[in-house]
Amino acid sequence: MKNGQIRTPACNQQEQYRQILQSTIYHPDMKKFLFVLITGLSFTCFLYAQTSDDQYKKPLKQLLDEVQTRFDVTIRYPEELVADRWVTYADWRIRPDLEKTLTNILSSQDLTFVREGDKKYKLKKYEYYRWSFEDGKEYAAYLAGLYNDTATWMQRKKELRECMWKALKLKGIPVWPDAEPVISNSRKMDGYVIKNVALEVLPGVYTFGSVYKPVRAGKKSPVILCPNGHWNDGRYRSNHQIRCAMMARMGAVVVSYDLFAWGESMLQFEYKDHRRSLAMTMQVLNTFRFLDYLLEHENTDEGRIAIVGGSGAGSHSMLITALDDRIKVCVPTVMLSCYMFGGCPCESGMPVHLCGSGTNNIELSGMAAPRPQLILSDGKDWTAHVPDFEFPLVQRIYSFYGKSSVVENAHFADEGHDFGPSKRMVLYPFIAKHLQMDINKIKDKDGKIDESGVIVEHAKAMYVIGNKAENLPENALIGFENLVRVFQEYIE
């Protein structure tokens, strides 16, 4: 050791090269070569002789190789994820426990890891929206301690709602462009009719959907908003069509509509735009645009409005219900969690969850109180703990109003992240009860709910415009940069 530096194998080898080569090579050109070589080796020695002066730096890739050797594990990652990354105080981050070591190393890089099997791990980008259950549980308990009765909860709710509107860059529901809806391809089915509708949300920006109505509606019908989740095929998905049609057969006016930059929205924007933070705000605007349209142009009852959504649309359903008291019934499906905030920017891209010095989806769900709410959960995703942890906390908020009985949880321990038949069989009676609809209209002669009368359509039948951008209205804008411009002019 010299001057407080530890001599590494690279330093020892460099010194041996220096002694051998200087004693055997005398040609002037070779001496120039030697100078460059020895200088490079000296730099290598300096680089890897870790001290506090250089923050004990190591390349991330090298450090991961050393971790794999030390713990006898395999760590998988794409090269671009680790390229050109350095870890400061590298060896100081190592602990006897592998996973603590990985956490210490990767947290400095905004990376994290998942276990793939015995001694097998995979690296991925840090997920701000997904905590550990233990962290989420602790945080939820802290939030629950902020209120203990109706008065303190109402103050908390008021604070959250006001902040959420600002977090979305909205001042409330805007005045819509004075434009006629685009309607196409009306067709009659067994007990319901469908038409495709496009609405202008901002000047030149459209939202697309299909409206399902009962064939015979003698009085005003309830409204059910059905945003699609992140499953393949979006609103064209078979189980999404079935759900909308069945609720229309019971007597509701149901609208199924695209996520922003999904489906026909991709005539104006690219899929990558769906993963921008403004997508969260646009989906809020799309929902309110369809709701206002149905209340104004259809024979609907403003006192009977529900929103039903699964996965990302489950997050959206909780948010919309938290923002707007016009929503009377909410059914968030496979999304309520104390530690999962929504994995897409359209769920968590705007700082809604930072409101009130921090909130979570339990509080967003609780903001529905005392309105009826059905929480659907399963055993194979982040809703696995709902019956034992999240649901009791939501129910506690309802208890402040004396309305614990109107919030329910149906848990499917052996099922996964879907909106499958068993979940729909629980949905229909709940929605019929709280929107005063006739569930007998969807039962067979044996008294069982029967979905067989629903025709699952091809996506083309559900297009408002089509799959070619040239069929868009003349004023339709193209490109996310134009959306930002119009948003700033019209909203901000």
Protein backbone atom coordinates (compact mmCIF):
# COMPACT_ATOMS: atom_id res chain seq x y z
CA MET A 1 0.00 0.00 0.00
CA LYS A 2 1.29 3.48 -0.93
CA ASN A 3 -0.20 6.86 -0.05
CA GLY A 4 -3.26 5.18 1.38
CA GLN A 5 -4.10 3.34 -1.87
CA ILE A 6 -4.68 -0.38 -2.09
CA ARG A 7 -2.66 -2.02 -4.83
CA THR A 8 -4.91 -4.07 -7.08
CA PRO A 9 -3.86 -6.98 -9.35
CA ALA A 10 -3.99 -4.57 -12.26
CA CYS A 11 -1.40 -2.34 -10.52
CA ASN A 12 0.92 -5.26 -9.76
CA GLN A 13 0.74 -6.47 -13.35
CA GLN A 14 1.41 -2.98 -14.69
CA GLU A 15 4.55 -2.69 -12.52
CA GLN A 16 5.85 -6.03 -13.79
CA TYR A 17 5.31 -4.92 -17.40
CA ARG A 18 7.16 -1.67 -16.70
CA GLN A 19 10.23 -3.43 -15.31
CA ILE A 20 10.43 -6.09 -18.03
CA LEU A 21 9.85 -3.80 -20.98
CA GLN A 22 12.19 -1.03 -19.82
CA SER A 23 15.03 -3.50 -19.42
CA THR A 24 14.65 -5.09 -22.87
CA ILE A 25 13.40 -2.46 -25.33
CA TYR A 26 15.67 0.36 -26.52
CA HIS A 27 14.35 1.48 -29.95
CA PRO A 28 13.11 5.14 -29.82
CA ASP A 29 9.78 4.39 -31.55
CA MET A 30 9.22 1.47 -29.26
CA LYS A 31 9.87 3.75 -26.30
CA LYS A 32 7.03 6.03 -27.51
CA PHE A 33 4.78 2.99 -27.75
CA LEU A 34 5.85 1.92 -24.28
CA PHE A 35 5.06 5.34 -22.90
CA VAL A 36 1.47 5.17 -24.21
CA LEU A 37 1.04 1.59 -22.99
CA ILE A 38 2.39 2.26 -19.53
CA THR A 39 0.36 5.47 -19.24
CA GLY A 40 -2.80 3.52 -20.11
CA LEU A 41 -1.96 0.88 -17.57
CA SER A 42 -1.30 3.55 -14.99
CA PHE A 43 -4.72 5.06 -15.72
CA THR A 44 -6.30 1.63 -15.31
CA CYS A 45 -4.51 1.24 -12.02
CA PHE A 46 -5.76 4.63 -10.88
CA LEU A 47 -9.29 3.89 -12.08
CA TYR A 48 -9.67 0.65 -10.17
CA ALA A 49 -7.71 1.62 -7.07
CA GLN A 50 -10.90 2.70 -5.33
CA THR A 51 -10.71 5.48 -2.78
CA SER A 52 -13.09 8.11 -1.50
CA ASP A 53 -11.39 10.57 -3.86
CA ASP A 54 -13.11 8.92 -6.82
CA GLN A 55 -16.18 7.85 -4.77
CA TYR A 56 -15.15 4.19 -5.01
CA LYS A 57 -16.65 4.13 -8.52
CA LYS A 58 -17.12 1.02 -10.62
CA PRO A 59 -18.95 0.37 -13.89
CA LEU A 60 -22.37 -1.11 -13.12
CA LYS A 61 -21.78 -4.01 -15.48
CA GLN A 62 -18.51 -4.95 -13.75
CA LEU A 63 -20.15 -4.70 -10.33
CA LEU A 64 -23.01 -6.95 -11.43
CA ASP A 65 -20.52 -9.51 -12.72
CA GLU A 66 -18.83 -9.49 -9.32
CA VAL A 67 -22.17 -9.88 -7.54
CA GLN A 68 -23.07 -12.85 -9.71
CA THR A 69 -19.77 -14.52 -8.85
CA ARG A 70 -19.92 -13.68 -5.17
CA PHE A 71 -23.48 -14.99 -4.67
CA ASP A 72 -23.46 -17.66 -7.38
CA VAL A 73 -26.52 -16.27 -9.18
CA THR A 74 -27.51 -15.26 -12.69
CA ILE A 75 -28.68 -11.69 -13.29
CA ARG A 76 -30.36 -11.07 -16.64
CA TYR A 77 -30.63 -7.64 -18.25
CA PRO A 78 -30.54 -5.96 -21.68
CA GLU A 79 -27.16 -4.41 -22.36
CA GLU A 80 -28.64 -0.96 -22.97
CA LEU A 81 -30.00 -0.95 -19.43
CA VAL A 82 -26.52 -1.00 -17.89
CA ALA A 83 -24.40 0.61 -20.60
CA ASP A 84 -22.40 3.67 -19.51
CA ARG A 85 -23.66 3.47 -15.95
CA TRP A 86 -21.33 3.86 -12.97
CA VAL A 87 -21.98 3.08 -9.32
CA THR A 88 -20.47 5.29 -6.66
CA TYR A 89 -19.28 3.68 -3.41
CA ALA A 90 -19.76 0.41 -5.23
CA ASP A 91 -18.24 -2.14 -2.86
CA TRP A 92 -19.64 -0.31 0.14
CA ARG A 93 -23.13 -1.22 -1.07
CA ILE A 94 -22.49 -4.96 -0.76
CA ARG A 95 -24.13 -6.84 2.13
CA PRO A 96 -24.15 -10.52 3.14
CA ASP A 97 -27.70 -10.75 1.75
CA LEU A 98 -28.00 -10.77 -2.06
CA GLU A 99 -31.30 -8.92 -2.36
CA LYS A 100 -30.20 -6.18 0.04
CA THR A 101 -27.05 -5.86 -2.04
CA LEU A 102 -29.02 -5.54 -5.27
CA THR A 103 -31.36 -3.00 -3.70
CA ASN A 104 -28.41 -0.89 -2.52
CA ILE A 105 -26.71 -1.00 -5.91
CA LEU A 106 -29.72 -0.55 -8.17
CA SER A 107 -31.46 2.17 -6.18
CA SER A 108 -28.61 4.49 -7.13
CA GLN A 109 -29.42 3.88 -10.79
CA ASP A 110 -33.24 4.08 -10.69
CA LEU A 111 -33.28 0.37 -11.44
CA THR A 112 -34.85 -2.54 -9.60
CA PHE A 113 -35.03 -6.34 -9.92
CA VAL A 114 -37.43 -9.26 -9.87
CA ARG A 115 -36.73 -12.84 -8.94
CA GLU A 116 -37.34 -15.24 -11.82
CA GLY A 117 -36.48 -18.52 -10.12
CA ASP A 118 -33.87 -20.22 -8.00
CA LYS A 119 -30.73 -18.07 -8.20
CA LYS A 120 -32.13 -16.20 -11.21
CA TYR A 121 -32.90 -12.48 -11.32
CA LYS A 122 -33.89 -9.89 -13.90
CA LEU A 123 -33.19 -6.15 -13.85
CA LYS A 124 -35.75 -3.55 -14.89
CA LYS A 125 -36.32 0.17 -14.61
CA TYR A 126 -37.44 1.51 -11.25
CA GLU A 127 -41.22 1.50 -10.96
CA TYR A 128 -42.29 4.57 -8.99
CA TYR A 129 -45.87 3.32 -9.09
CA ARG A 130 -45.26 -0.09 -7.50
CA TRP A 131 -44.12 -0.33 -3.89
CA SER A 132 -43.67 -3.38 -1.72
CA PHE A 133 -46.82 -4.53 0.06
CA GLU A 134 -45.13 -3.82 3.38
CA ASP A 135 -44.41 -0.20 2.38
CA GLY A 136 -47.93 0.26 1.04
CA LYS A 137 -49.45 -1.22 4.17
CA GLU A 138 -47.46 1.07 6.45
CA TYR A 139 -48.33 4.13 4.35
CA ALA A 140 -52.03 3.24 4.29
CA ALA A 141 -52.07 2.91 8.06
CA TYR A 142 -50.47 6.36 8.35
CA LEU A 143 -53.09 7.90 6.03
CA ALA A 144 -55.94 6.26 7.95
CA GLY A 145 -54.70 8.02 11.07
CA LEU A 146 -55.35 11.43 9.51
CA TYR A 147 -59.13 11.17 10.01
CA ASN A 148 -61.45 9.39 12.43
CA ASP A 149 -64.94 10.74 11.72
CA THR A 150 -67.09 12.32 9.03
CA ALA A 151 -65.84 15.87 9.66
CA THR A 152 -62.13 15.07 9.48
CA TRP A 153 -62.64 12.81 6.46
CA MET A 154 -64.71 15.42 4.59
CA GLN A 155 -61.95 17.96 5.15
CA ARG A 156 -59.41 15.47 3.81
CA LYS A 157 -61.61 14.69 0.80
CA LYS A 158 -62.07 18.39 0.00
CA GLU A 159 -58.31 18.94 0.13
CA LEU A 160 -57.64 15.94 -2.11
CA ARG A 161 -60.28 16.81 -4.70
CA GLU A 162 -59.17 20.42 -5.09
CA CYS A 163 -55.58 19.33 -5.50
CA MET A 164 -56.44 16.53 -7.94
CA TRP A 165 -58.08 18.94 -10.37
CA LYS A 166 -54.94 21.07 -10.28
CA ALA A 167 -52.68 18.03 -10.62
CA LEU A 168 -54.56 17.15 -13.82
CA LYS A 169 -54.02 20.73 -15.07
CA LEU A 170 -57.78 21.23 -15.08
CA LYS A 171 -59.95 23.86 -13.43
CA GLY A 172 -63.03 21.68 -13.62
CA ILE A 173 -65.07 20.26 -16.45
CA PRO A 174 -64.49 22.55 -19.48
CA VAL A 175 -66.97 24.02 -21.91
CA TRP A 176 -66.95 21.68 -24.90
CA PRO A 177 -66.39 22.71 -28.52
CA ASP A 178 -69.65 23.55 -30.28
CA ALA A 179 -69.58 20.58 -32.63
CA GLU A 180 -72.06 17.96 -33.72
CA PRO A 181 -71.21 14.33 -32.88
CA VAL A 182 -70.09 12.00 -35.65
CA ILE A 183 -72.45 8.98 -35.68
CA SER A 184 -72.13 5.87 -37.82
CA ASN A 185 -73.28 2.29 -38.31
CA SER A 186 -76.38 1.96 -36.15
CA ARG A 187 -77.48 -1.67 -35.78
CA LYS A 188 -80.14 -3.58 -33.86
CA MET A 189 -79.37 -6.62 -31.74
CA ASP A 190 -81.35 -8.88 -29.41
CA GLY A 191 -82.66 -6.50 -26.77
CA TYR A 192 -80.32 -3.61 -27.52
CA VAL A 193 -79.10 -1.32 -30.28
CA ILE A 194 -75.61 0.04 -30.94
CA LYS A 195 -74.30 3.12 -32.68
CA ASN A 196 -70.75 4.38 -33.01
CA VAL A 197 -70.02 7.93 -31.86
CA ALA A 198 -67.08 10.33 -32.06
CA LEU A 199 -67.07 13.51 -29.97
CA GLU A 200 -64.82 16.55 -30.19
CA VAL A 201 -63.14 16.99 -26.82
CA LEU A 202 -60.78 19.82 -27.66
CA PRO A 203 -60.70 21.68 -30.97
CA GLY A 204 -59.63 19.03 -33.48
CA VAL A 205 -59.22 16.28 -30.85
CA TYR A 206 -61.74 13.43 -30.85
CA THR A 207 -62.74 10.57 -28.58
CA PHE A 208 -64.31 7.44 -30.06
CA GLY A 209 -66.79 4.95 -28.68
CA SER A 210 -69.89 2.83 -29.11
CA VAL A 211 -73.20 3.58 -27.40
CA TYR A 212 -75.39 0.62 -26.38
CA LYS A 213 -79.08 1.29 -25.67
CA PRO A 214 -82.06 -0.85 -24.71
CA VAL A 215 -84.47 -1.53 -27.58
CA ARG A 216 -87.39 -0.36 -25.48
CA ALA A 217 -86.88 2.33 -22.88
CA GLY A 218 -90.21 3.79 -21.75
CA LYS A 219 -88.68 6.08 -19.16
CA LYS A 220 -85.33 7.75 -18.67
CA SER A 221 -82.48 5.24 -18.62
CA PRO A 222 -79.48 5.15 -16.30
CA VAL A 223 -76.05 5.87 -17.76
CA ILE A 224 -73.11 3.48 -17.43
CA LEU A 225 -69.63 4.61 -18.48
CA CYS A 226 -67.38 1.73 -19.57
CA PRO A 227 -63.83 2.86 -20.38
CA ASN A 228 -61.71 -0.01 -21.66
CA GLY A 229 -58.67 -1.28 -19.76
CA HIS A 230 -55.22 -2.19 -21.00
CA TRP A 231 -56.12 -5.65 -22.20
CA ASN A 232 -55.52 -6.57 -25.83
CA ASP A 233 -58.11 -5.24 -28.31
CA GLY A 234 -59.41 -2.57 -25.92
CA ARG A 235 -63.10 -1.80 -26.39
CA TYR A 236 -63.26 -4.34 -29.22
CA ARG A 237 -62.46 -7.15 -26.79
CA SER A 238 -65.20 -9.78 -26.55
CA ASN A 239 -65.74 -9.63 -22.79
CA HIS A 240 -65.93 -5.84 -22.95
CA GLN A 241 -68.63 -6.02 -25.63
CA ILE A 242 -70.55 -8.65 -23.65
CA ARG A 243 -70.54 -6.56 -20.48
CA CYS A 244 -71.80 -3.44 -22.26
CA ALA A 245 -74.51 -5.30 -24.15
CA MET A 246 -75.80 -7.11 -21.07
CA MET A 247 -76.18 -3.88 -19.10
CA ALA A 248 -77.97 -2.28 -22.06
CA ARG A 249 -80.36 -5.22 -22.16
CA MET A 250 -81.16 -4.50 -18.50
CA GLY A 251 -82.17 -0.96 -19.46
CA ALA A 252 -79.08 1.26 -19.32
CA VAL A 253 -77.50 3.53 -21.90
CA VAL A 254 -73.91 2.28 -21.91
CA VAL A 255 -70.92 3.87 -23.60
CA SER A 256 -67.75 1.96 -24.37
CA TYR A 257 -64.86 4.19 -25.37
CA ASP A 258 -61.18 4.05 -26.25
CA LEU A 259 -58.27 4.88 -24.03
CA PHE A 260 -56.35 7.88 -25.29
CA ALA A 261 -54.01 6.87 -28.17
CA TRP A 262 -55.64 3.44 -28.41
CA GLY A 263 -58.17 2.17 -30.93
CA GLU A 264 -59.38 4.87 -33.30
CA SER A 265 -57.61 7.52 -31.27
CA MET A 266 -54.47 6.22 -32.99
CA LEU A 267 -55.73 7.88 -36.17
CA GLN A 268 -54.56 11.09 -34.55
CA PHE A 269 -51.84 9.97 -32.16
CA GLU A 270 -49.21 7.28 -31.80
CA TYR A 271 -49.24 4.48 -29.25
CA LYS A 272 -46.23 6.02 -27.50
CA ASP A 273 -48.44 9.05 -26.76
CA HIS A 274 -50.58 6.84 -24.55
CA ARG A 275 -47.60 6.57 -22.23
CA ARG A 276 -47.26 10.31 -21.76
CA SER A 277 -48.53 11.97 -18.61
CA LEU A 278 -51.09 14.10 -20.46
CA ALA A 279 -52.89 10.87 -21.41
CA MET A 280 -54.25 10.78 -17.84
CA THR A 281 -55.86 14.18 -18.25
CA MET A 282 -57.15 13.42 -21.74
CA GLN A 283 -58.92 10.31 -20.49
CA VAL A 284 -60.63 12.37 -17.79
CA LEU A 285 -61.78 14.83 -20.45
CA ASN A 286 -62.96 12.00 -22.72
CA THR A 287 -65.09 10.53 -19.95
CA PHE A 288 -66.75 13.80 -19.02
CA ARG A 289 -67.35 14.58 -22.69
CA PHE A 290 -69.23 11.31 -23.20
CA LEU A 291 -71.15 11.72 -19.94
CA ASP A 292 -72.31 15.22 -20.83
CA TYR A 293 -73.24 14.08 -24.33
CA LEU A 294 -75.39 11.21 -23.04
CA LEU A 295 -77.13 13.41 -20.48
CA GLU A 296 -77.90 16.02 -23.13
CA HIS A 297 -78.72 13.93 -26.20
CA GLU A 298 -80.12 10.65 -24.89
CA ASN A 299 -83.18 9.98 -22.74
CA THR A 300 -81.12 9.48 -19.60
CA ASP A 301 -81.48 9.95 -15.85
CA GLU A 302 -78.81 12.18 -14.32
CA GLY A 303 -79.56 10.67 -10.92
CA ARG A 304 -78.50 7.17 -12.02
CA ILE A 305 -74.94 7.25 -13.36
CA ALA A 306 -72.32 4.53 -12.92
CA ILE A 307 -68.79 3.87 -14.05
CA VAL A 308 -67.42 0.35 -14.49
CA GLY A 309 -63.82 -0.39 -15.48
CA GLY A 310 -61.11 -2.98 -15.05
CA SER A 311 -57.32 -2.79 -14.85
CA GLY A 312 -56.26 0.69 -16.01
CA ALA A 313 -59.93 1.55 -16.41
CA GLY A 314 -60.35 0.49 -12.78
CA SER A 315 -57.88 3.19 -11.78
CA HIS A 316 -59.76 5.60 -14.02
CA SER A 317 -63.12 4.64 -12.49
CA MET A 318 -61.87 5.45 -9.00
CA LEU A 319 -60.44 8.78 -10.17
CA ILE A 320 -63.59 9.89 -12.01
CA THR A 321 -65.79 8.97 -9.04
CA ALA A 322 -63.47 10.88 -6.70
CA LEU A 323 -63.70 13.97 -8.93
CA ASP A 324 -67.42 14.07 -9.74
CA ASP A 325 -70.39 13.54 -7.41
CA ARG A 326 -72.63 12.92 -10.43
CA ILE A 327 -71.24 9.38 -10.45
CA LYS A 328 -73.61 7.45 -8.19
CA VAL A 329 -72.19 3.92 -8.49
CA CYS A 330 -68.59 2.78 -9.02
CA VAL A 331 -67.19 -0.67 -9.84
CA PRO A 332 -63.35 -0.62 -9.92
CA THR A 333 -62.13 -4.04 -10.98
CA VAL A 334 -58.77 -5.73 -10.25
CA MET A 335 -57.11 -2.43 -9.41
CA LEU A 336 -57.61 -1.36 -5.79
CA SER A 337 -54.27 -1.73 -3.98
CA CYS A 338 -52.33 -0.07 -1.19
CA TYR A 339 -49.03 -0.48 -3.03
CA MET A 340 -49.84 -0.37 -6.77
CA PHE A 341 -50.69 3.13 -7.95
CA GLY A 342 -51.19 2.35 -11.64
CA GLY A 343 -48.47 1.14 -13.96
CA CYS A 344 -49.28 3.37 -16.93
CA PRO A 345 -48.81 7.16 -17.08
CA CYS A 346 -52.51 7.33 -17.98
CA GLU A 347 -53.12 6.14 -14.38
CA SER A 348 -50.33 7.84 -12.43
CA GLY A 349 -48.52 10.17 -14.84
CA MET A 350 -50.03 13.31 -13.35
CA PRO A 351 -49.21 13.94 -9.66
CA VAL A 352 -52.68 13.05 -8.36
CA HIS A 353 -51.21 10.64 -5.82
CA LEU A 354 -48.97 13.37 -4.41
CA CYS A 355 -51.99 15.42 -3.33
CA GLY A 356 -52.63 16.02 0.34
CA SER A 357 -48.94 15.45 1.08
CA GLY A 358 -49.45 12.02 -0.45
CA THR A 359 -52.42 9.74 -1.00
CA ASN A 360 -53.17 6.28 -2.39
CA ASN A 361 -55.89 4.36 -4.20
CA ILE A 362 -57.56 3.40 -0.92
CA GLU A 363 -58.35 7.06 -0.33
CA LEU A 364 -59.43 7.54 -3.95
CA SER A 365 -61.79 4.60 -3.56
CA GLY A 366 -62.98 5.99 -0.23
CA MET A 367 -63.86 9.30 -1.90
CA ALA A 368 -66.82 7.47 -3.46
CA ALA A 369 -68.45 7.22 -0.01
CA PRO A 370 -71.34 7.15 0.69
CA ARG A 371 -72.19 6.14 -2.89
CA PRO A 372 -72.50 2.40 -3.66
CA GLN A 373 -69.27 0.74 -4.73
CA LEU A 374 -68.39 -2.83 -5.71
CA ILE A 375 -64.67 -3.67 -5.50
CA LEU A 376 -63.69 -6.73 -7.54
CA SER A 377 -60.34 -8.33 -6.68
CA ASP A 378 -58.40 -11.53 -7.30
CA GLY A 379 -55.62 -13.63 -5.82
CA LYS A 380 -53.02 -13.37 -8.57
CA ASP A 381 -52.22 -9.68 -8.89
CA TRP A 382 -51.75 -6.64 -6.64
CA THR A 383 -55.38 -6.93 -5.42
CA ALA A 384 -54.64 -10.19 -3.60
CA HIS A 385 -54.76 -8.53 -0.15
CA VAL A 386 -57.98 -6.57 -0.69
CA PRO A 387 -60.32 -8.64 1.56
CA ASP A 388 -57.94 -8.50 4.53
CA PHE A 389 -56.41 -5.07 4.19
CA GLU A 390 -57.59 -2.55 1.59
CA PHE A 391 -61.32 -3.27 1.76
CA PRO A 392 -61.62 -2.83 5.56
CA LEU A 393 -59.97 0.60 5.23
CA VAL A 394 -62.40 1.66 2.50
CA GLN A 395 -65.29 0.28 4.54
CA ARG A 396 -64.09 2.30 7.53
CA ILE A 397 -64.53 5.51 5.52
CA TYR A 398 -68.06 4.41 4.57
CA SER A 399 -68.76 3.77 8.26
CA PHE A 400 -68.30 7.48 8.96
CA TYR A 401 -71.54 7.99 7.01
CA GLY A 402 -73.27 4.94 8.46
CA LYS A 403 -73.15 3.34 4.98
CA SER A 404 -70.83 0.36 5.41
CA SER A 405 -73.36 -1.93 3.73
CA VAL A 406 -73.30 -0.17 0.34
CA VAL A 407 -69.63 -0.92 -0.32
CA GLU A 408 -68.93 -4.53 -1.20
CA ASN A 409 -65.96 -6.69 -2.14
CA ALA A 410 -66.12 -9.80 -4.28
CA HIS A 411 -62.78 -11.60 -4.18
CA PHE A 412 -61.74 -14.37 -6.57
CA ALA A 413 -58.76 -15.98 -4.89
CA ASP A 414 -58.09 -18.49 -7.68
CA GLU A 415 -58.44 -16.02 -10.55
CA GLY A 416 -56.14 -13.49 -12.14
CA HIS A 417 -56.13 -10.03 -13.67
CA ASP A 418 -59.25 -10.07 -15.86
CA PHE A 419 -62.91 -9.13 -16.12
CA GLY A 420 -64.05 -12.67 -16.77
CA PRO A 421 -67.48 -14.34 -16.50
CA SER A 422 -67.45 -14.92 -12.73
CA LYS A 423 -66.69 -11.26 -12.07
CA ARG A 424 -69.45 -10.19 -14.45
CA MET A 425 -71.95 -12.46 -12.69
CA VAL A 426 -71.37 -10.41 -9.52
CA LEU A 427 -71.40 -7.11 -11.40
CA TYR A 428 -74.84 -7.47 -13.00
CA PRO A 429 -76.92 -7.91 -9.80
CA PHE A 430 -75.03 -5.11 -8.05
CA ILE A 431 -75.47 -2.63 -10.87
CA ALA A 432 -79.12 -3.62 -11.38
CA LYS A 433 -79.87 -3.13 -7.68
CA HIS A 434 -78.31 0.30 -7.33
CA LEU A 435 -79.45 1.70 -10.69
CA GLN A 436 -82.95 0.22 -10.32
CA MET A 437 -82.79 -1.94 -13.46
CA ASP A 438 -84.60 -5.19 -14.24
CA ILE A 439 -82.11 -8.04 -13.96
CA ASN A 440 -84.76 -10.51 -15.11
CA LYS A 441 -84.24 -9.20 -18.63
CA ILE A 442 -80.88 -11.01 -18.77
CA LYS A 443 -81.98 -14.27 -17.13
CA ASP A 444 -83.00 -17.47 -18.90
CA LYS A 445 -86.11 -19.54 -18.15
CA ASP A 446 -84.26 -21.23 -15.28
CA GLY A 447 -83.50 -17.91 -13.61
CA LYS A 448 -79.80 -17.88 -14.48
CA ILE A 449 -77.98 -14.93 -16.02
CA ASP A 450 -77.47 -15.76 -19.68
CA GLU A 451 -74.91 -13.94 -21.88
CA SER A 452 -75.45 -16.16 -24.93
CA GLY A 453 -77.73 -13.67 -26.67
CA VAL A 454 -74.92 -11.14 -27.11
CA ILE A 455 -73.34 -10.92 -30.55
CA VAL A 456 -69.59 -10.29 -30.36
CA GLU A 457 -68.76 -8.03 -33.29
CA HIS A 458 -65.63 -7.62 -35.36
CA ALA A 459 -63.70 -4.45 -34.58
CA LYS A 460 -64.58 -2.98 -37.98
CA ALA A 461 -68.26 -2.90 -37.05
CA MET A 462 -67.38 -0.70 -34.06
CA TYR A 463 -65.33 1.88 -35.95
CA VAL A 464 -66.75 5.39 -36.01
CA ILE A 465 -64.37 6.63 -38.66
CA GLY A 466 -62.51 3.58 -39.87
CA ASN A 467 -58.86 2.65 -39.95
CA LYS A 468 -57.72 5.41 -42.31
CA ALA A 469 -56.88 8.88 -41.10
CA GLU A 470 -58.22 10.48 -44.28
CA ASN A 471 -61.75 9.78 -43.03
CA LEU A 472 -61.29 11.98 -39.99
CA PRO A 473 -63.22 15.27 -39.75
CA GLU A 474 -61.52 18.03 -41.68
CA ASN A 475 -60.45 19.91 -38.56
CA ALA A 476 -58.86 16.88 -36.90
CA LEU A 477 -55.31 17.58 -35.79
CA ILE A 478 -52.52 15.02 -36.04
CA GLY A 479 -49.62 14.61 -33.64
CA PHE A 480 -49.03 14.99 -29.94
CA GLU A 481 -47.25 18.34 -30.29
CA ASN A 482 -50.44 19.80 -31.76
CA LEU A 483 -52.48 18.39 -28.89
CA VAL A 484 -50.17 20.09 -26.39
CA ARG A 485 -50.57 23.39 -28.23
CA VAL A 486 -54.37 23.17 -28.28
CA PHE A 487 -54.52 22.00 -24.67
CA GLN A 488 -52.50 24.97 -23.52
CA GLU A 489 -54.62 27.39 -25.54
CA TYR A 490 -58.01 25.93 -24.66
CA ILE A 491 -57.55 24.62 -21.11
CA GLU A 492 -54.59 26.30 -19.45
